[in-house]
Structures are given as C-alpha cells and as structure tokens.
C-alpha atoms as a PDB file:
ATOM      1  CA  MET A   1       1.885  -0.974 116.498  1.00  0.00           C
ATOM      2  CA  ALA A   2       3.159  -4.521 117.424  1.00  0.00           C
ATOM      3  CA  VAL A   3       1.896  -6.095 120.609  1.00  0.00           C
ATOM      4  CA  ARG A   4       4.704  -7.046 123.009  1.00  0.00           C
ATOM      5  CA  ARG A   5       5.528 -10.708 123.556  1.00  0.00           C
ATOM      6  CA  GLY A   6       4.142 -12.251 127.151  1.00  0.00           C
ATOM      7  CA  THR A   7       1.434  -9.676 127.737  1.00  0.00           C
ATOM      8  CA  SER A   8      -1.911  -9.301 126.767  1.00  0.00           C
ATOM      9  CA  ALA A   9      -2.772  -6.907 124.252  1.00  0.00           C
ATOM     10  CA  ALA A  10      -4.601  -4.831 127.311  1.00  0.00           C
ATOM     11  CA  GLY A  11      -1.252  -4.814 128.612  1.00  0.00           C
ATOM     12  CA  GLY A  12       0.431  -3.653 125.964  1.00  0.00           C
ATOM     13  CA  PHE A  13      -2.000  -0.648 125.424  1.00  0.00           C
ATOM     14  CA  LEU A  14      -1.771   0.279 128.905  1.00  0.00           C
ATOM     15  CA  ALA A  15       2.161   0.311 128.771  1.00  0.00           C
ATOM     16  CA  ASP A  16       2.204   2.425 125.878  1.00  0.00           C
ATOM     17  CA  PHE A  17      -0.274   4.552 127.109  1.00  0.00           C
ATOM     18  CA  ARG A  18       1.583   5.241 130.139  1.00  0.00           C
ATOM     19  CA  ASP A  19       4.833   5.667 128.041  1.00  0.00           C
ATOM     20  CA  PHE A  20       2.918   8.491 126.357  1.00  0.00           C
ATOM     21  CA  ILE A  21       1.551  10.079 129.475  1.00  0.00           C
ATOM     22  CA  MET A  22       5.214  10.371 130.894  1.00  0.00           C
ATOM     23  CA  ARG A  23       6.876  12.285 127.880  1.00  0.00           C
ATOM     24  CA  GLY A  24       7.975  15.634 129.203  1.00  0.00           C
ATOM     25  CA  ASN A  25       6.300  17.297 126.565  1.00  0.00           C
ATOM     26  CA  VAL A  26       2.661  15.723 127.623  1.00  0.00           C
ATOM     27  CA  ILE A  27       3.110  16.957 130.979  1.00  0.00           C
ATOM     28  CA  ASP A  28       4.806  20.272 129.873  1.00  0.00           C
ATOM     29  CA  LEU A  29       1.512  20.709 127.917  1.00  0.00           C
ATOM     30  CA  ALA A  30      -1.201  20.186 130.434  1.00  0.00           C
ATOM     31  CA  VAL A  31       0.426  22.485 132.538  1.00  0.00           C
ATOM     32  CA  ALA A  32       0.873  25.674 129.929  1.00  0.00           C
ATOM     33  CA  VAL A  33      -3.177  24.224 129.914  1.00  0.00           C
ATOM     34  CA  ILE A  34      -3.599  24.742 133.091  1.00  0.00           C
ATOM     35  CA  LEU A  35      -1.961  28.185 133.310  1.00  0.00           C
ATOM     36  CA  GLY A  36      -3.617  29.277 130.554  1.00  0.00           C
ATOM     37  CA  ALA A  37      -6.785  29.020 132.300  1.00  0.00           C
ATOM     38  CA  ALA A  38      -6.083  30.843 135.231  1.00  0.00           C
ATOM     39  CA  PHE A  39      -4.205  33.378 133.266  1.00  0.00           C
ATOM     40  CA  ASN A  40      -7.548  33.913 130.882  1.00  0.00           C
ATOM     41  CA  GLN A  41      -9.675  34.793 134.225  1.00  0.00           C
ATOM     42  CA  ILE A  42      -7.110  37.195 135.313  1.00  0.00           C
ATOM     43  CA  ILE A  43      -7.356  38.917 131.919  1.00  0.00           C
ATOM     44  CA  GLN A  44     -10.875  38.254 131.962  1.00  0.00           C
ATOM     45  CA  SER A  45     -11.761  40.068 135.415  1.00  0.00           C
ATOM     46  CA  LEU A  46      -9.226  42.818 134.478  1.00  0.00           C
ATOM     47  CA  VAL A  47     -11.034  43.617 131.554  1.00  0.00           C
ATOM     48  CA  GLU A  48     -14.680  42.718 132.685  1.00  0.00           C
ATOM     49  CA  ASP A  49     -14.252  44.046 135.838  1.00  0.00           C
ATOM     50  CA  ILE A  50     -11.928  47.089 135.693  1.00  0.00           C
ATOM     51  CA  ILE A  51     -10.954  48.470 132.131  1.00  0.00           C
ATOM     52  CA  THR A  52     -14.195  48.062 130.334  1.00  0.00           C
ATOM     53  CA  PRO A  53     -16.576  49.311 132.950  1.00  0.00           C
ATOM     54  CA  ALA A  54     -14.024  52.483 133.344  1.00  0.00           C
ATOM     55  CA  LEU A  55     -13.901  52.756 129.701  1.00  0.00           C
ATOM     56  CA  LEU A  56     -17.869  52.499 129.301  1.00  0.00           C
ATOM     57  CA  GLN A  57     -19.520  53.942 131.780  1.00  0.00           C
ATOM     58  CA  PRO A  58     -19.298  57.619 130.663  1.00  0.00           C
ATOM     59  CA  ALA A  59     -20.847  56.251 127.128  1.00  0.00           C
ATOM     60  CA  LEU A  60     -23.463  54.250 128.649  1.00  0.00           C
ATOM     61  CA  ASP A  61     -24.363  56.827 131.064  1.00  0.00           C
ATOM     62  CA  ALA A  62     -25.129  58.979 127.562  1.00  0.00           C
ATOM     63  CA  ALA A  63     -27.150  56.641 125.888  1.00  0.00           C
ATOM     64  CA  GLY A  64     -29.045  56.603 128.957  1.00  0.00           C
ATOM     65  CA  VAL A  65     -28.860  52.548 129.523  1.00  0.00           C
ATOM     66  CA  ASP A  66     -27.149  50.572 132.711  1.00  0.00           C
ATOM     67  CA  GLN A  67     -26.017  47.658 130.950  1.00  0.00           C
ATOM     68  CA  LEU A  68     -24.078  47.253 127.026  1.00  0.00           C
ATOM     69  CA  SER A  69     -26.158  44.558 126.392  1.00  0.00           C
ATOM     70  CA  GLU A  70     -29.212  46.245 126.591  1.00  0.00           C
ATOM     71  CA  LEU A  71     -28.920  48.567 123.747  1.00  0.00           C
ATOM     72  CA  SER A  72     -30.888  47.720 120.627  1.00  0.00           C
ATOM     73  CA  ALA A  73     -33.122  48.844 117.570  1.00  0.00           C
ATOM     74  CA  ASN A  74     -35.785  46.896 115.875  1.00  0.00           C
ATOM     75  CA  GLY A  75     -35.172  43.758 118.029  1.00  0.00           C
ATOM     76  CA  ILE A  76     -31.664  43.913 117.093  1.00  0.00           C
ATOM     77  CA  ARG A  77     -29.194  43.363 120.319  1.00  0.00           C
ATOM     78  CA  TYR A  78     -26.245  45.290 119.076  1.00  0.00           C
ATOM     79  CA  GLY A  79     -25.111  45.674 122.679  1.00  0.00           C
ATOM     80  CA  LEU A  80     -24.398  42.322 122.576  1.00  0.00           C
ATOM     81  CA  PHE A  81     -22.137  42.668 119.760  1.00  0.00           C
ATOM     82  CA  LEU A  82     -20.241  45.769 120.928  1.00  0.00           C
ATOM     83  CA  ALA A  83     -19.570  44.426 123.966  1.00  0.00           C
ATOM     84  CA  ALA A  84     -18.056  41.266 122.250  1.00  0.00           C
ATOM     85  CA  VAL A  85     -16.266  43.273 119.985  1.00  0.00           C
ATOM     86  CA  ILE A  86     -14.948  45.677 123.292  1.00  0.00           C
ATOM     87  CA  ASN A  87     -13.882  43.370 125.001  1.00  0.00           C
ATOM     88  CA  PHE A  88     -11.370  41.357 122.413  1.00  0.00           C
ATOM     89  CA  LEU A  89     -10.109  44.489 121.506  1.00  0.00           C
ATOM     90  CA  VAL A  90      -9.260  45.229 125.374  1.00  0.00           C
ATOM     91  CA  VAL A  91      -7.874  41.586 125.709  1.00  0.00           C
ATOM     92  CA  ALA A  92      -5.979  41.630 122.898  1.00  0.00           C
ATOM     93  CA  PHE A  93      -4.621  45.656 124.188  1.00  0.00           C
ATOM     94  CA  VAL A  94      -3.790  44.248 127.795  1.00  0.00           C
ATOM     95  CA  ILE A  95      -1.926  40.970 125.965  1.00  0.00           C
ATOM     96  CA  PHE A  96      -0.159  43.066 123.538  1.00  0.00           C
ATOM     97  CA  LEU A  97       1.027  45.719 126.765  1.00  0.00           C
ATOM     98  CA  LEU A  98       1.986  42.674 128.978  1.00  0.00           C
ATOM     99  CA  ILE A  99       4.251  40.924 126.233  1.00  0.00           C
ATOM    100  CA  ARG A 100       5.550  44.018 125.551  1.00  0.00           C
ATOM    101  CA  ALA A 101       6.621  44.559 129.043  1.00  0.00           C
ATOM    102  CA  PHE A 102       7.518  40.615 129.206  1.00  0.00           C
ATOM    103  CA  GLU A 103       9.746  41.855 125.606  1.00  0.00           C
ATOM    104  CA  ARG A 104      11.249  44.725 127.725  1.00  0.00           C
ATOM    105  CA  ALA A 105      12.712  43.167 130.771  1.00  0.00           C
ATOM    106  CA  LYS A 106      13.927  40.081 128.853  1.00  0.00           C
ATOM    107  CA  ARG A 107      15.906  43.009 126.385  1.00  0.00           C
ATOM    108  CA  GLN A 108      17.500  44.335 129.843  1.00  0.00           C
ATOM    109  CA  PHE A 109      18.287  41.110 131.334  1.00  0.00           C
ATOM    110  CA  VAL A 110      20.323  39.937 128.133  1.00  0.00           C
ATOM    111  CA  ARG A 111      22.003  43.572 128.449  1.00  0.00           C
ATOM    112  CA  GLU A 112      23.136  43.151 131.870  1.00  0.00           C
ATOM    113  CA  GLU A 113      24.432  39.663 130.772  1.00  0.00           C
ATOM    114  CA  GLU A 114      26.524  40.956 128.373  1.00  0.00           C
ATOM    115  CA  VAL A 115      27.809  43.699 130.381  1.00  0.00           C
ATOM    116  CA  VAL A 116      28.596  41.091 132.959  1.00  0.00           C
ATOM    117  CA  GLU A 117      30.468  39.352 129.891  1.00  0.00           C
ATOM    118  CA  GLU A 118      32.597  41.916 128.629  1.00  0.00           C
ATOM    119  CA  VAL A 119      36.033  41.978 129.237  1.00  0.00           C
ATOM    120  CA  ASP A 120      37.488  44.549 131.509  1.00  0.00           C
ATOM    121  CA  PRO A 121      39.808  46.657 129.986  1.00  0.00           C
ATOM    122  CA  VAL A 122      42.624  47.018 131.676  1.00  0.00           C
ATOM    123  CA  LEU A 123      42.877  43.417 132.344  1.00  0.00           C
ATOM    124  CA  GLU A 124      42.410  42.527 128.696  1.00  0.00           C
ATOM    125  CA  SER A 125      45.790  44.975 127.980  1.00  0.00           C
ATOM    126  CA  GLN A 126      47.659  43.229 131.045  1.00  0.00           C
ATOM    127  CA  GLU A 127      47.085  39.880 129.047  1.00  0.00           C
ATOM    128  CA  ARG A 128      48.098  41.027 125.751  1.00  0.00           C
ATOM    129  CA  LEU A 129      51.535  42.914 127.560  1.00  0.00           C
ATOM    130  CA  THR A 130      52.252  39.300 129.163  1.00  0.00           C
ATOM    131  CA  GLY A 131      51.597  37.801 125.887  1.00  0.00           C
ATOM    132  CA  ALA A 132      53.977  40.022 123.787  1.00  0.00           C
ATOM    133  CA  MET A 133      56.599  39.921 126.717  1.00  0.00           C
ATOM    134  CA  ASP A 134      56.495  35.965 126.390  1.00  0.00           C
ATOM    135  CA  ARG A 135      56.963  36.084 122.589  1.00  0.00           C
ATOM    136  CA  LEU A 136      59.935  38.370 122.900  1.00  0.00           C
ATOM    137  CA  THR A 137      61.597  36.405 125.682  1.00  0.00           C
ATOM    138  CA  ALA A 138      61.160  33.699 123.231  1.00  0.00           C
ATOM    139  CA  ALA A 139      62.408  35.214 120.370  1.00  0.00           C
ATOM    140  CA  ILE A 140      65.305  36.472 122.250  1.00  0.00           C
ATOM    141  CA  GLU A 141      66.125  33.275 123.366  1.00  0.00           C
ATOM    142  CA  ARG A 142      66.014  31.255 120.090  1.00  0.00           C
ATOM    143  CA  ARG A 143      68.778  34.229 118.878  1.00  0.00           C
ATOM    144  CA  THR A 144      71.140  33.434 121.827  1.00  0.00           C
ATOM    145  CA  PRO A 145      73.639  30.864 121.401  1.00  0.00           C
END
C-alpha cells in the first residue's frame, strides 16, 4: 500500500484504519457478534436453568446425586462429560426449533405476499375483454373506407 503524498506514514495508516472501520460490513459484523453473544446468554440460561434440570432431575434422583458433575467411577468424572454432551444436544435442539419456527414464519410471510400479488380474476377478465374490444374496433376501422 502506497503512502499518500503530503501525509506522514502514521497519518496514512490512521486514515486507512478509519476507512476500514467505517465500511458497512465491519459494522454489520460487529453488531452480529454482539447480538450473537447476547443470544448465546439467553440460550445458555434456557438450557442450563430450565430444560436440562427438567430432563435430568429424575435421572439424578435415581442415581442419588445432586449434580451431574458429581458422577464418577474410579476417579473418572464422567458426569462432566455427560453434562457437556447433554448441554450440546439441548442447545442444538433449541436452535433447531428456533430456526424451524423462523423458517415457517418466513414461508407464511412469502405466501401472504404472493396472495396480495395475485391478480383478481374478474379484473383480469375485464382487461382481456377491453383488449379484445380494442382490437376488434381497430380491425373494423381498418376495413371501412
């Protein structure tokens, strides 16, 4: 990258950095990362505080432990691994449900737009009839001397 004439190297660098930061895609990416982090907190809370305890409490009661992380055999703490696997599966399932609901709503919105864009059959037939009448009138006018 060439240094601009009349400016110092630091000034050119700062101008290039400013141009980079002000691009729309960098701002969009920053917003997406921030929203993704906030969304992650919502999903984690849903999974860890609501869904996982509701699913696991009967199994934990049967095993006689309060926390899944307490499960171990011969020093191998397999409860932590199970918690991570279950957490992953529940998060994936919740995201799947959210995306599925979003896609369904999107398809419904597209269908509603298509219904609005459809032409009224009565209006369409009137336009065809008017066009036919215009062609007939033009043909008759051409034949009369």
